[in-house]
Amino acid sequence: MKKAPKFLKQYFWDIDFEKLEIKTNSRDVLRRLLEHGNDKAVKWMKKNFTRNDISWVLGNLRGISARSANFWALIFEIDRKNILCLRESSLITRNTHWPY
Protein backbone atom coordinates (compact mmCIF):
# COMPACT_ATOMS: atom_id res chain seq x y z
CA MET A 1 0.00 0.00 0.00
CA LYS A 2 1.52 3.26 -1.14
CA LYS A 3 1.13 6.17 1.23
CA ALA A 4 1.03 9.83 0.29
CA PRO A 5 4.20 11.86 0.92
CA LYS A 6 4.15 14.18 3.93
CA PHE A 7 4.26 17.38 1.87
CA LEU A 8 0.73 16.61 0.62
CA LYS A 9 -0.74 16.65 4.13
CA GLN A 10 -1.82 20.30 3.78
CA TYR A 11 -4.34 19.30 1.09
CA PHE A 12 -6.01 16.66 3.26
CA TRP A 13 -6.75 18.65 6.41
CA ASP A 14 -10.13 16.99 6.95
CA ILE A 15 -9.06 13.33 7.06
CA ASP A 16 -6.59 11.15 8.94
CA PHE A 17 -3.65 11.65 6.58
CA GLU A 18 -1.77 8.62 7.93
CA LYS A 19 -4.56 6.36 6.64
CA LEU A 20 -4.69 7.91 3.16
CA GLU A 21 -3.72 5.34 0.53
CA ILE A 22 -2.89 6.61 -2.94
CA LYS A 23 -4.22 3.65 -4.92
CA THR A 24 -7.46 3.25 -2.98
CA ASN A 25 -8.23 6.98 -2.90
CA SER A 26 -6.68 8.02 -6.21
CA ARG A 27 -9.72 9.94 -7.46
CA ASP A 28 -9.99 12.00 -4.30
CA VAL A 29 -6.25 12.64 -4.26
CA LEU A 30 -6.35 13.84 -7.87
CA ARG A 31 -9.39 16.04 -7.29
CA ARG A 32 -7.71 17.79 -4.35
CA LEU A 33 -4.42 18.28 -6.16
CA LEU A 34 -6.06 19.54 -9.34
CA GLU A 35 -7.98 22.11 -7.33
CA HIS A 36 -5.46 23.12 -4.66
CA GLY A 37 -2.02 21.72 -5.53
CA ASN A 38 1.13 23.83 -5.76
CA ASP A 39 4.04 23.20 -8.16
CA LYS A 40 5.56 20.45 -6.03
CA ALA A 41 2.22 18.67 -5.61
CA VAL A 42 1.48 18.90 -9.35
CA LYS A 43 4.90 17.45 -10.23
CA TRP A 44 4.24 14.58 -7.85
CA MET A 45 0.75 14.11 -9.33
CA LYS A 46 2.08 13.94 -12.90
CA LYS A 47 4.74 11.44 -11.84
CA ASN A 48 2.32 9.14 -10.00
CA PHE A 49 -0.81 9.27 -12.16
CA THR A 50 -1.40 8.79 -15.86
CA ARG A 51 -2.87 11.37 -18.17
CA ASN A 52 -5.92 9.10 -18.49
CA ASP A 53 -6.39 9.09 -14.70
CA ILE A 54 -6.32 12.88 -14.62
CA SER A 55 -8.62 13.22 -17.64
CA TRP A 56 -11.11 10.80 -16.08
CA VAL A 57 -11.27 12.83 -12.85
CA LEU A 58 -11.81 16.07 -14.78
CA GLY A 59 -14.47 14.46 -16.94
CA ASN A 60 -16.43 12.65 -14.26
CA LEU A 61 -16.07 14.15 -10.80
CA ARG A 62 -17.54 17.26 -9.26
CA GLY A 63 -15.63 19.44 -6.83
CA ILE A 64 -13.29 21.15 -9.25
CA SER A 65 -13.88 24.83 -9.89
CA ALA A 66 -14.50 26.11 -13.41
CA ARG A 67 -11.30 28.15 -13.13
CA SER A 68 -9.16 25.11 -12.28
CA ALA A 69 -10.93 22.95 -14.86
CA ASN A 70 -10.25 25.51 -17.60
CA PHE A 71 -6.60 25.63 -16.62
CA TRP A 72 -6.18 21.85 -16.67
CA ALA A 73 -8.11 21.57 -19.93
CA LEU A 74 -5.50 23.82 -21.52
CA ILE A 75 -2.54 22.03 -19.92
CA PHE A 76 -3.70 18.52 -20.84
CA GLU A 77 -5.38 19.54 -24.11
CA ILE A 78 -8.77 18.18 -23.08
CA ASP A 79 -11.89 19.34 -24.90
CA ARG A 80 -13.96 21.50 -22.53
CA LYS A 81 -17.07 19.55 -23.57
CA ASN A 82 -15.54 16.50 -21.88
CA ILE A 83 -15.09 18.18 -18.49
CA LEU A 84 -18.03 17.72 -16.13
CA CYS A 85 -17.89 21.04 -14.29
CA LEU A 86 -17.66 22.98 -17.57
CA ARG A 87 -20.74 21.43 -19.13
CA GLU A 88 -23.65 23.81 -19.47
CA SER A 89 -25.87 21.92 -17.01
CA SER A 90 -23.18 22.10 -14.31
CA LEU A 91 -22.59 25.80 -14.90
CA ILE A 92 -26.32 26.56 -14.63
CA THR A 93 -26.58 24.57 -11.40
CA ARG A 94 -23.55 26.37 -9.98
CA ASN A 95 -25.12 29.78 -10.64
CA THR A 96 -28.44 29.05 -8.93
CA HIS A 97 -28.96 29.96 -5.31
CA TRP A 98 -30.01 27.56 -2.63
CA PRO A 99 -33.76 28.20 -2.34
CA TYR A 100 -33.98 27.62 1.42
PDB file of N, CA and C in Angstrom:
ATOM      1  N   MET A   1       0.834  -1.180   0.000  1.00  0.00           N
ATOM      2  CA  MET A   1       0.000   0.000   0.000  1.00  0.00           C
ATOM      3  C   MET A   1       0.881   1.245   0.000  1.00  0.00           C
ATOM      4  N   LYS A   2       0.721   2.049  -1.018  1.00  0.00           N
ATOM      5  CA  LYS A   2       1.524   3.262  -1.143  1.00  0.00           C
ATOM      6  C   LYS A   2       0.850   4.413  -0.396  1.00  0.00           C
ATOM      7  N   LYS A   3       1.625   5.037   0.454  1.00  0.00           N
ATOM      8  CA  LYS A   3       1.129   6.172   1.234  1.00  0.00           C
ATOM      9  C   LYS A   3       1.507   7.479   0.547  1.00  0.00           C
ATOM     10  N   ALA A   4       0.760   8.499   0.851  1.00  0.00           N
ATOM     11  CA  ALA A   4       1.030   9.828   0.291  1.00  0.00           C
ATOM     12  C   ALA A   4       2.230  10.450   1.002  1.00  0.00           C
ATOM     13  N   PRO A   5       3.074  11.185   0.271  1.00  0.00           N
ATOM     14  CA  PRO A   5       4.204  11.860   0.918  1.00  0.00           C
ATOM     15  C   PRO A   5       3.725  12.968   1.862  1.00  0.00           C
ATOM     16  N   LYS A   6       4.528  13.230   2.871  1.00  0.00           N
ATOM     17  CA  LYS A   6       4.154  14.180   3.929  1.00  0.00           C
ATOM     18  C   LYS A   6       3.835  15.582   3.411  1.00  0.00           C
ATOM     19  N   PHE A   7       4.495  16.016   2.339  1.00  0.00           N
ATOM     20  CA  PHE A   7       4.259  17.385   1.867  1.00  0.00           C
ATOM     21  C   PHE A   7       2.848  17.581   1.311  1.00  0.00           C
ATOM     22  N   LEU A   8       2.112  16.499   1.099  1.00  0.00           N
ATOM     23  CA  LEU A   8       0.731  16.615   0.618  1.00  0.00           C
ATOM     24  C   LEU A   8      -0.284  16.758   1.754  1.00  0.00           C
ATOM     25  N   LYS A   9       0.174  16.628   2.978  1.00  0.00           N
ATOM     26  CA  LYS A   9      -0.740  16.653   4.126  1.00  0.00           C
ATOM     27  C   LYS A   9      -1.603  17.911   4.168  1.00  0.00           C
ATOM     28  N   GLN A  10      -1.065  19.037   3.735  1.00  0.00           N
ATOM     29  CA  GLN A  10      -1.815  20.299   3.781  1.00  0.00           C
ATOM     30  C   GLN A  10      -3.089  20.266   2.940  1.00  0.00           C
ATOM     31  N   TYR A  11      -3.162  19.382   1.968  1.00  0.00           N
ATOM     32  CA  TYR A  11      -4.335  19.301   1.094  1.00  0.00           C
ATOM     33  C   TYR A  11      -5.411  18.363   1.636  1.00  0.00           C
ATOM     34  N   PHE A  12      -5.091  17.647   2.706  1.00  0.00           N
ATOM     35  CA  PHE A  12      -6.013  16.658   3.265  1.00  0.00           C
ATOM     36  C   PHE A  12      -6.221  16.927   4.751  1.00  0.00           C
ATOM     37  N   TRP A  13      -6.580  18.182   5.034  1.00  0.00           N
ATOM     38  CA  TRP A  13      -6.754  18.645   6.406  1.00  0.00           C
ATOM     39  C   TRP A  13      -7.941  17.999   7.112  1.00  0.00           C
ATOM     40  N   ASP A  14      -8.883  17.468   6.355  1.00  0.00           N
ATOM     41  CA  ASP A  14     -10.129  16.990   6.946  1.00  0.00           C
ATOM     42  C   ASP A  14     -10.182  15.484   7.142  1.00  0.00           C
ATOM     43  N   ILE A  15      -9.088  14.787   6.891  1.00  0.00           N
ATOM     44  CA  ILE A  15      -9.060  13.330   7.059  1.00  0.00           C
ATOM     45  C   ILE A  15      -7.827  12.941   7.863  1.00  0.00           C
ATOM     46  N   ASP A  16      -7.777  11.678   8.277  1.00  0.00           N
ATOM     47  CA  ASP A  16      -6.587  11.151   8.942  1.00  0.00           C
ATOM     48  C   ASP A  16      -5.564  10.852   7.848  1.00  0.00           C
ATOM     49  N   PHE A  17      -4.613  11.732   7.678  1.00  0.00           N
ATOM     50  CA  PHE A  17      -3.648  11.651   6.579  1.00  0.00           C
ATOM     51  C   PHE A  17      -2.843  10.353   6.611  1.00  0.00           C
ATOM     52  N   GLU A  18      -2.563   9.850   7.795  1.00  0.00           N
ATOM     53  CA  GLU A  18      -1.767   8.624   7.927  1.00  0.00           C
ATOM     54  C   GLU A  18      -2.480   7.417   7.315  1.00  0.00           C
ATOM     55  N   LYS A  19      -3.792   7.480   7.203  1.00  0.00           N
ATOM     56  CA  LYS A  19      -4.562   6.364   6.638  1.00  0.00           C
ATOM     57  C   LYS A  19      -4.844   6.532   5.145  1.00  0.00           C
ATOM     58  N   LEU A  20      -4.441   7.644   4.573  1.00  0.00           N
ATOM     59  CA  LEU A  20      -4.687   7.908   3.157  1.00  0.00           C
ATOM     60  C   LEU A  20      -3.808   7.006   2.296  1.00  0.00           C
ATOM     61  N   GLU A  21      -4.443   6.213   1.449  1.00  0.00           N
ATOM     62  CA  GLU A  21      -3.724   5.340   0.529  1.00  0.00           C
ATOM     63  C   GLU A  21      -3.932   5.858  -0.890  1.00  0.00           C
ATOM     64  N   ILE A  22      -2.846   6.016  -1.606  1.00  0.00           N
ATOM     65  CA  ILE A  22      -2.886   6.605  -2.942  1.00  0.00           C
ATOM     66  C   ILE A  22      -3.733   5.783  -3.902  1.00  0.00           C
ATOM     67  N   LYS A  23      -3.509   4.486  -3.951  1.00  0.00           N
ATOM     68  CA  LYS A  23      -4.216   3.645  -4.919  1.00  0.00           C
ATOM     69  C   LYS A  23      -5.713   3.583  -4.622  1.00  0.00           C
ATOM     70  N   THR A  24      -6.053   3.374  -3.378  1.00  0.00           N
ATOM     71  CA  THR A  24      -7.457   3.250  -2.979  1.00  0.00           C
ATOM     72  C   THR A  24      -8.221   4.556  -3.156  1.00  0.00           C
ATOM     73  N   ASN A  25      -7.581   5.665  -2.874  1.00  0.00           N
ATOM     74  CA  ASN A  25      -8.231   6.975  -2.903  1.00  0.00           C
ATOM     75  C   ASN A  25      -7.722   7.861  -4.034  1.00  0.00           C
ATOM     76  N   SER A  26      -7.327   7.263  -5.131  1.00  0.00           N
ATOM     77  CA  SER A  26      -6.679   8.016  -6.209  1.00  0.00           C
ATOM     78  C   SER A  26      -7.556   9.138  -6.762  1.00  0.00           C
ATOM     79  N   ARG A  27      -8.833   8.903  -6.900  1.00  0.00           N
ATOM     80  CA  ARG A  27      -9.718   9.937  -7.458  1.00  0.00           C
ATOM     81  C   ARG A  27      -9.807  11.149  -6.542  1.00  0.00           C
ATOM     82  N   ASP A  28      -9.922  10.895  -5.259  1.00  0.00           N
ATOM     83  CA  ASP A  28      -9.994  12.005  -4.305  1.00  0.00           C
ATOM     84  C   ASP A  28      -8.667  12.751  -4.222  1.00  0.00           C
ATOM     85  N   VAL A  29      -7.572  12.014  -4.279  1.00  0.00           N
ATOM     86  CA  VAL A  29      -6.249  12.642  -4.265  1.00  0.00           C
ATOM     87  C   VAL A  29      -6.103  13.550  -5.483  1.00  0.00           C
ATOM     88  N   LEU A  30      -6.451  13.037  -6.646  1.00  0.00           N
ATOM     89  CA  LEU A  30      -6.353  13.840  -7.868  1.00  0.00           C
ATOM     90  C   LEU A  30      -7.243  15.069  -7.815  1.00  0.00           C
ATOM     91  N   ARG A  31      -8.470  14.900  -7.360  1.00  0.00           N
ATOM     92  CA  ARG A  31      -9.395  16.040  -7.294  1.00  0.00           C
ATOM     93  C   ARG A  31      -8.817  17.149  -6.410  1.00  0.00           C
ATOM     94  N   ARG A  32      -8.279  16.786  -5.261  1.00  0.00           N
ATOM     95  CA  ARG A  32      -7.709  17.793  -4.354  1.00  0.00           C
ATOM     96  C   ARG A  32      -6.497  18.482  -4.971  1.00  0.00           C
ATOM     97  N   LEU A  33      -5.635  17.694  -5.604  1.00  0.00           N
ATOM     98  CA  LEU A  33      -4.419  18.284  -6.158  1.00  0.00           C
ATOM     99  C   LEU A  33      -4.711  19.127  -7.388  1.00  0.00           C
ATOM    100  N   LEU A  34      -5.681  18.730  -8.181  1.00  0.00           N
ATOM    101  CA  LEU A  34      -6.060  19.539  -9.337  1.00  0.00           C
ATOM    102  C   LEU A  34      -6.637  20.880  -8.899  1.00  0.00           C
ATOM    103  N   GLU A  35      -7.345  20.882  -7.804  1.00  0.00           N
ATOM    104  CA  GLU A  35      -7.982  22.110  -7.328  1.00  0.00           C
ATOM    105  C   GLU A  35      -7.036  22.978  -6.491  1.00  0.00           C
ATOM    106  N   HIS A  36      -6.221  22.350  -5.647  1.00  0.00           N
ATOM    107  CA  HIS A  36      -5.459  23.118  -4.655  1.00  0.00           C
ATOM    108  C   HIS A  36      -3.942  22.969  -4.740  1.00  0.00           C
ATOM    109  N   GLY A  37      -3.443  22.049  -5.539  1.00  0.00           N
ATOM    110  CA  GLY A  37      -2.021  21.719  -5.530  1.00  0.00           C
ATOM    111  C   GLY A  37      -1.087  22.832  -5.974  1.00  0.00           C
ATOM    112  N   ASN A  38       0.084  22.892  -5.344  1.00  0.00           N
ATOM    113  CA  ASN A  38       1.131  23.831  -5.759  1.00  0.00           C
ATOM    114  C   ASN A  38       2.049  23.122  -6.762  1.00  0.00           C
ATOM    115  N   ASP A  39       3.139  23.774  -7.157  1.00  0.00           N
ATOM    116  CA  ASP A  39       4.040  23.200  -8.164  1.00  0.00           C
ATOM    117  C   ASP A  39       4.570  21.829  -7.756  1.00  0.00           C
ATOM    118  N   LYS A  40       4.999  21.714  -6.511  1.00  0.00           N
ATOM    119  CA  LYS A  40       5.562  20.447  -6.030  1.00  0.00           C
ATOM    120  C   LYS A  40       4.507  19.344  -6.049  1.00  0.00           C
ATOM    121  N   ALA A  41       3.305  19.657  -5.624  1.00  0.00           N
ATOM    122  CA  ALA A  41       2.220  18.674  -5.614  1.00  0.00           C
ATOM    123  C   ALA A  41       1.846  18.251  -7.032  1.00  0.00           C
ATOM    124  N   VAL A  42       1.835  19.202  -7.952  1.00  0.00           N
ATOM    125  CA  VAL A  42       1.485  18.898  -9.346  1.00  0.00           C
ATOM    126  C   VAL A  42       2.561  18.024  -9.987  1.00  0.00           C
ATOM    127  N   LYS A  43       3.825  18.300  -9.709  1.00  0.00           N
ATOM    128  CA  LYS A  43       4.902  17.449 -10.230  1.00  0.00           C
ATOM    129  C   LYS A  43       4.750  16.026  -9.712  1.00  0.00           C
ATOM    130  N   TRP A  44       4.449  15.897  -8.432  1.00  0.00           N
ATOM    131  CA  TRP A  44       4.240  14.576  -7.848  1.00  0.00           C
ATOM    132  C   TRP A  44       3.035  13.896  -8.504  1.00  0.00           C
ATOM    133  N   MET A  45       1.960  14.642  -8.708  1.00  0.00           N
ATOM    134  CA  MET A  45       0.747  14.108  -9.332  1.00  0.00           C
ATOM    135  C   MET A  45       1.055  13.575 -10.730  1.00  0.00           C
ATOM    136  N   LYS A  46       1.769  14.353 -11.528  1.00  0.00           N
ATOM    137  CA  LYS A  46       2.084  13.942 -12.900  1.00  0.00           C
ATOM    138  C   LYS A  46       3.000  12.721 -12.931  1.00  0.00           C
ATOM    139  N   LYS A  47       3.827  12.580 -11.916  1.00  0.00           N
ATOM    140  CA  LYS A  47       4.741  11.436 -11.837  1.00  0.00           C
ATOM    141  C   LYS A  47       4.012  10.158 -11.412  1.00  0.00           C
ATOM    142  N   ASN A  48       2.973  10.299 -10.597  1.00  0.00           N
ATOM    143  CA  ASN A  48       2.318   9.140  -9.997  1.00  0.00           C
ATOM    144  C   ASN A  48       0.994   8.742 -10.629  1.00  0.00           C
ATOM    145  N   PHE A  49       0.456   9.575 -11.508  1.00  0.00           N
ATOM    146  CA  PHE A  49      -0.813   9.271 -12.162  1.00  0.00           C
ATOM    147  C   PHE A  49      -0.674   9.453 -13.662  1.00  0.00           C
ATOM    148  N   THR A  50      -1.450   8.678 -14.400  1.00  0.00           N
ATOM    149  CA  THR A  50      -1.403   8.789 -15.859  1.00  0.00           C
ATOM    150  C   THR A  50      -2.276   9.946 -16.326  1.00  0.00           C
ATOM    151  N   ARG A  51      -2.047  10.335 -17.543  1.00  0.00           N
ATOM    152  CA  ARG A  51      -2.872  11.371 -18.170  1.00  0.00           C
ATOM    153  C   ARG A  51      -4.334  10.923 -18.219  1.00  0.00           C
ATOM    154  N   ASN A  52      -4.553   9.633 -18.465  1.00  0.00           N
ATOM    155  CA  ASN A  52      -5.919   9.096 -18.490  1.00  0.00           C
ATOM    156  C   ASN A  52      -6.588   9.203 -17.126  1.00  0.00           C
ATOM    157  N   ASP A  53      -5.842   8.945 -16.057  1.00  0.00           N
ATOM    158  CA  ASP A  53      -6.389   9.088 -14.698  1.00  0.00           C
ATOM    159  C   ASP A  53      -6.855  10.523 -14.467  1.00  0.00           C
ATOM    160  N   ILE A  54      -6.016  11.456 -14.827  1.00  0.00           N
ATOM    161  CA  ILE A  54      -6.320  12.875 -14.621  1.00  0.00           C
ATOM    162  C   ILE A  54      -7.503  13.305 -15.484  1.00  0.00           C
ATOM    163  N   SER A  55      -7.510  12.885 -16.735  1.00  0.00           N
ATOM    164  CA  SER A  55      -8.623  13.220 -17.640  1.00  0.00           C
ATOM    165  C   SER A  55      -9.935  12.648 -17.130  1.00  0.00           C
ATOM    166  N   TRP A  56      -9.882  11.429 -16.589  1.00  0.00           N
ATOM    167  CA  TRP A  56     -11.106  10.803 -16.080  1.00  0.00           C
ATOM    168  C   TRP A  56     -11.669  11.621 -14.919  1.00  0.00           C
ATOM    169  N   VAL A  57     -10.814  12.037 -14.003  1.00  0.00           N
ATOM    170  CA  VAL A  57     -11.271  12.829 -12.853  1.00  0.00           C
ATOM    171  C   VAL A  57     -11.895  14.134 -13.328  1.00  0.00           C
ATOM    172  N   LEU A  58     -11.255  14.808 -14.253  1.00  0.00           N
ATOM    173  CA  LEU A  58     -11.807  16.066 -14.777  1.00  0.00           C
ATOM    174  C   LEU A  58     -13.133  15.838 -15.493  1.00  0.00           C
ATOM    175  N   GLY A  59     -13.264  14.727 -16.164  1.00  0.00           N
ATOM    176  CA  GLY A  59     -14.467  14.459 -16.942  1.00  0.00           C
ATOM    177  C   GLY A  59     -15.632  13.903 -16.157  1.00  0.00           C
ATOM    178  N   ASN A  60     -15.371  13.376 -14.957  1.00  0.00           N
ATOM    179  CA  ASN A  60     -16.428  12.648 -14.263  1.00  0.00           C
ATOM    180  C   ASN A  60     -16.716  13.061 -12.829  1.00  0.00           C
ATOM    181  N   LEU A  61     -15.851  13.816 -12.204  1.00  0.00           N
ATOM    182  CA  LEU A  61     -16.068  14.155 -10.798  1.00  0.00           C
ATOM    183  C   LEU A  61     -16.388  15.627 -10.605  1.00  0.00           C
ATOM    184  N   ARG A  62     -17.238  15.889  -9.654  1.00  0.00           N
ATOM    185  CA  ARG A  62     -17.538  17.264  -9.256  1.00  0.00           C
ATOM    186  C   ARG A  62     -16.500  17.696  -8.222  1.00  0.00           C
ATOM    187  N   GLY A  63     -16.530  18.954  -7.864  1.00  0.00           N
ATOM    188  CA  GLY A  63     -15.633  19.440  -6.825  1.00  0.00           C
ATOM    189  C   GLY A  63     -14.407  20.150  -7.351  1.00  0.00           C
ATOM    190  N   ILE A  64     -14.376  20.378  -8.648  1.00  0.00           N
ATOM    191  CA  ILE A  64     -13.288  21.148  -9.247  1.00  0.00           C
ATOM    192  C   ILE A  64     -13.908  22.431  -9.788  1.00  0.00           C
ATOM    193  N   SER A  65     -13.322  23.552  -9.449  1.00  0.00           N
ATOM    194  CA  SER A  65     -13.879  24.833  -9.891  1.00  0.00           C
ATOM    195  C   SER A  65     -13.731  24.991 -11.398  1.00  0.00           C
ATOM    196  N   ALA A  66     -14.571  25.839 -11.971  1.00  0.00           N
ATOM    197  CA  ALA A  66     -14.495  26.112 -13.412  1.00  0.00           C
ATOM    198  C   ALA A  66     -13.133  26.709 -13.760  1.00  0.00           C
ATOM    199  N   ARG A  67     -12.609  27.522 -12.890  1.00  0.00           N
ATOM    200  CA  ARG A  67     -11.302  28.147 -13.130  1.00  0.00           C
ATOM    201  C   ARG A  67     -10.194  27.092 -13.223  1.00  0.00           C
ATOM    202  N   SER A  68     -10.166  26.178 -12.256  1.00  0.00           N
ATOM    203  CA  SER A  68      -9.160  25.112 -12.280  1.00  0.00           C
ATOM    204  C   SER A  68      -9.374  24.184 -13.463  1.00  0.00           C
ATOM    205  N   ALA A  69     -10.623  23.853 -13.739  1.00  0.00           N
ATOM    206  CA  ALA A  69     -10.926  22.955 -14.856  1.00  0.00           C
ATOM    207  C   ALA A  69     -10.482  23.555 -16.186  1.00  0.00           C
ATOM    208  N   ASN A  70     -10.717  24.842 -16.375  1.00  0.00           N
ATOM    209  CA  ASN A  70     -10.252  25.512 -17.596  1.00  0.00           C
ATOM    210  C   ASN A  70      -8.731  25.449 -17.714  1.00  0.00           C
ATOM    211  N   PHE A  71      -8.057  25.685 -16.620  1.00  0.00           N
ATOM    212  CA  PHE A  71      -6.598  25.633 -16.616  1.00  0.00           C
ATOM    213  C   PHE A  71      -6.103  24.251 -17.028  1.00  0.00           C
ATOM    214  N   TRP A  72      -6.633  23.209 -16.372  1.00  0.00           N
ATOM    215  CA  TRP A  72      -6.176  21.850 -16.671  1.00  0.00           C
ATOM    216  C   TRP A  72      -6.588  21.403 -18.066  1.00  0.00           C
ATOM    217  N   ALA A  73      -7.707  21.886 -18.552  1.00  0.00           N
ATOM    218  CA  ALA A  73      -8.115  21.566 -19.928  1.00  0.00           C
ATOM    219  C   ALA A  73      -7.070  22.082 -20.912  1.00  0.00           C
ATOM    220  N   LEU A  74      -6.548  23.266 -20.663  1.00  0.00           N
ATOM    221  CA  LEU A  74      -5.496  23.821 -21.522  1.00  0.00           C
ATOM    222  C   LEU A  74      -4.187  23.040 -21.386  1.00  0.00           C
ATOM    223  N   ILE A  75      -3.808  22.732 -20.170  1.00  0.00           N
ATOM    224  CA  ILE A  75      -2.543  22.031 -19.922  1.00  0.00           C
ATOM    225  C   ILE A  75      -2.547  20.641 -20.552  1.00  0.00           C
ATOM    226  N   PHE A  76      -3.637  19.902 -20.352  1.00  0.00           N
ATOM    227  CA  PHE A  76      -3.702  18.519 -20.839  1.00  0.00           C
ATOM    228  C   PHE A  76      -4.396  18.386 -22.192  1.00  0.00           C
ATOM    229  N   GLU A  77      -4.729  19.522 -22.802  1.00  0.00           N
ATOM    230  CA  GLU A  77      -5.381  19.541 -24.115  1.00  0.00           C
ATOM    231  C   GLU A  77      -6.630  18.648 -24.141  1.00  0.00           C
ATOM    232  N   ILE A  78      -7.513  18.913 -23.186  1.00  0.00           N
ATOM    233  CA  ILE A  78      -8.773  18.182 -23.076  1.00  0.00           C
ATOM    234  C   ILE A  78      -9.882  19.099 -23.569  1.00  0.00           C
ATOM    235  N   ASP A  79     -10.754  18.564 -24.397  1.00  0.00           N
ATOM    236  CA  ASP A  79     -11.887  19.341 -24.900  1.00  0.00           C
ATOM    237  C   ASP A  79     -12.782  19.730 -23.725  1.00  0.00           C
ATOM    238  N   ARG A  80     -13.112  21.000 -23.630  1.00  0.00           N
ATOM    239  CA  ARG A  80     -13.957  21.498 -22.528  1.00  0.00           C
ATOM    240  C   ARG A  80     -15.296  20.767 -22.449  1.00  0.00           C
ATOM    241  N   LYS A  81     -15.792  20.281 -23.567  1.00  0.00           N
ATOM    242  CA  LYS A  81     -17.067  19.551 -23.568  1.00  0.00           C
ATOM    243  C   LYS A  81     -16.967  18.243 -22.790  1.00  0.00           C
ATOM    244  N   ASN A  82     -15.752  17.758 -22.586  1.00  0.00           N
ATOM    245  CA  ASN A  82     -15.544  16.499 -21.877  1.00  0.00           C
ATOM    246  C   ASN A  82     -15.276  16.683 -20.385  1.00  0.00           C
ATOM    247  N   ILE A  83     -15.355  17.904 -19.903  1.00  0.00           N
ATOM    248  CA  ILE A  83     -15.092  18.177 -18.489  1.00  0.00           C
ATOM    249  C   ILE A  83     -16.417  18.475 -17.793  1.00  0.00           C
ATOM    250  N   LEU A  84     -16.728  17.666 -16.797  1.00  0.00           N
ATOM    251  CA  LEU A  84     -18.032  17.722 -16.133  1.00  0.00           C
ATOM    252  C   LEU A  84     -18.394  19.112 -15.628  1.00  0.00           C
ATOM    253  N   CYS A  85     -17.521  19.753 -14.895  1.00  0.00           N
ATOM    254  CA  CYS A  85     -17.891  21.039 -14.286  1.00  0.00           C
ATOM    255  C   CYS A  85     -17.959  22.180 -15.293  1.00  0.00           C
ATOM    256  N   LEU A  86     -17.564  21.947 -16.538  1.00  0.00           N
ATOM    257  CA  LEU A  86     -17.665  22.983 -17.565  1.00  0.00           C
ATOM    258  C   LEU A  86     -18.840  22.758 -18.509  1.00  0.00           C
ATOM    259  N   ARG A  87     -19.560  21.673 -18.308  1.00  0.00           N
ATOM    260  CA  ARG A  87     -20.743  21.429 -19.130  1.00  0.00           C
ATOM    261  C   ARG A  87     -21.826  22.423 -18.741  1.00  0.00           C
ATOM    262  N   GLU A  88     -22.648  22.768 -19.690  1.00  0.00           N
ATOM    263  CA  GLU A  88     -23.654  23.808 -19.470  1.00  0.00           C
ATOM    264  C   GLU A  88     -24.544  23.510 -18.272  1.00  0.00           C
ATOM    265  N   SER A  89     -24.975  22.254 -18.122  1.00  0.00           N
ATOM    266  CA  SER A  89     -25.866  21.919 -17.009  1.00  0.00           C
ATOM    267  C   SER A  89     -25.184  22.152 -15.660  1.00  0.00           C
ATOM    268  N   SER A  90     -23.913  21.867 -15.560  1.00  0.00           N
ATOM    269  CA  SER A  90     -23.181  22.101 -14.311  1.00  0.00           C
ATOM    270  C   SER A  90     -23.005  23.585 -14.037  1.00  0.00           C
ATOM    271  N   LEU A  91     -22.764  24.356 -15.076  1.00  0.00           N
ATOM    272  CA  LEU A  91     -22.589  25.798 -14.898  1.00  0.00           C
ATOM    273  C   LEU A  91     -23.892  26.465 -14.479  1.00  0.00           C
ATOM    274  N   ILE A  92     -25.014  26.011 -15.020  1.00  0.00           N
ATOM    275  CA  ILE A  92     -26.317  26.558 -14.634  1.00  0.00           C
ATOM    276  C   ILE A  92     -26.597  26.235 -13.173  1.00  0.00           C
ATOM    277  N   THR A  93     -26.363  24.987 -12.781  1.00  0.00           N
ATOM    278  CA  THR A  93     -26.582  24.569 -11.396  1.00  0.00           C
ATOM    279  C   THR A  93     -25.710  25.379 -10.449  1.00  0.00           C
ATOM    280  N   ARG A  94     -24.486  25.624 -10.818  1.00  0.00           N
ATOM    281  CA  ARG A  94     -23.550  26.366  -9.977  1.00  0.00           C
ATOM    282  C   ARG A  94     -24.016  27.801  -9.751  1.00  0.00           C
ATOM    283  N   ASN A  95     -24.702  28.380 -10.730  1.00  0.00           N
ATOM    284  CA  ASN A  95     -25.124  29.777 -10.636  1.00  0.00           C
ATOM    285  C   ASN A  95     -26.480  29.973  -9.963  1.00  0.00           C
ATOM    286  N   THR A  96     -27.161  28.902  -9.616  1.00  0.00           N
ATOM    287  CA  THR A  96     -28.441  29.050  -8.929  1.00  0.00           C
ATOM    288  C   THR A  96     -28.196  29.134  -7.426  1.00  0.00           C
ATOM    289  N   HIS A  97     -29.084  29.815  -6.757  1.00  0.00           N
ATOM    290  CA  HIS A  97     -28.960  29.957  -5.311  1.00  0.00           C
ATOM    291  C   HIS A  97     -29.754  28.871  -4.617  1.00  0.00           C
ATOM    292  N   TRP A  98     -29.302  28.530  -3.441  1.00  0.00           N
ATOM    293  CA  TRP A  98     -30.011  27.558  -2.634  1.00  0.00           C
ATOM    294  C   TRP A  98     -31.336  28.182  -2.224  1.00  0.00           C
ATOM    295  N   PRO A  99     -32.463  27.558  -2.550  1.00  0.00           N
ATOM    296  CA  PRO A  99     -33.760  28.199  -2.344  1.00  0.00           C
ATOM    297  C   PRO A  99     -34.272  28.168  -0.904  1.00  0.00           C
ATOM    298  N   TYR A 100     -33.489  27.731   0.044  1.00  0.00           N
ATOM    299  CA  TYR A 100     -33.985  27.617   1.417  1.00  0.00           C
ATOM    300  C   TYR A 100     -33.321  28.597   2.337  1.00  0.00           C
TER     301      TYR A 100
END
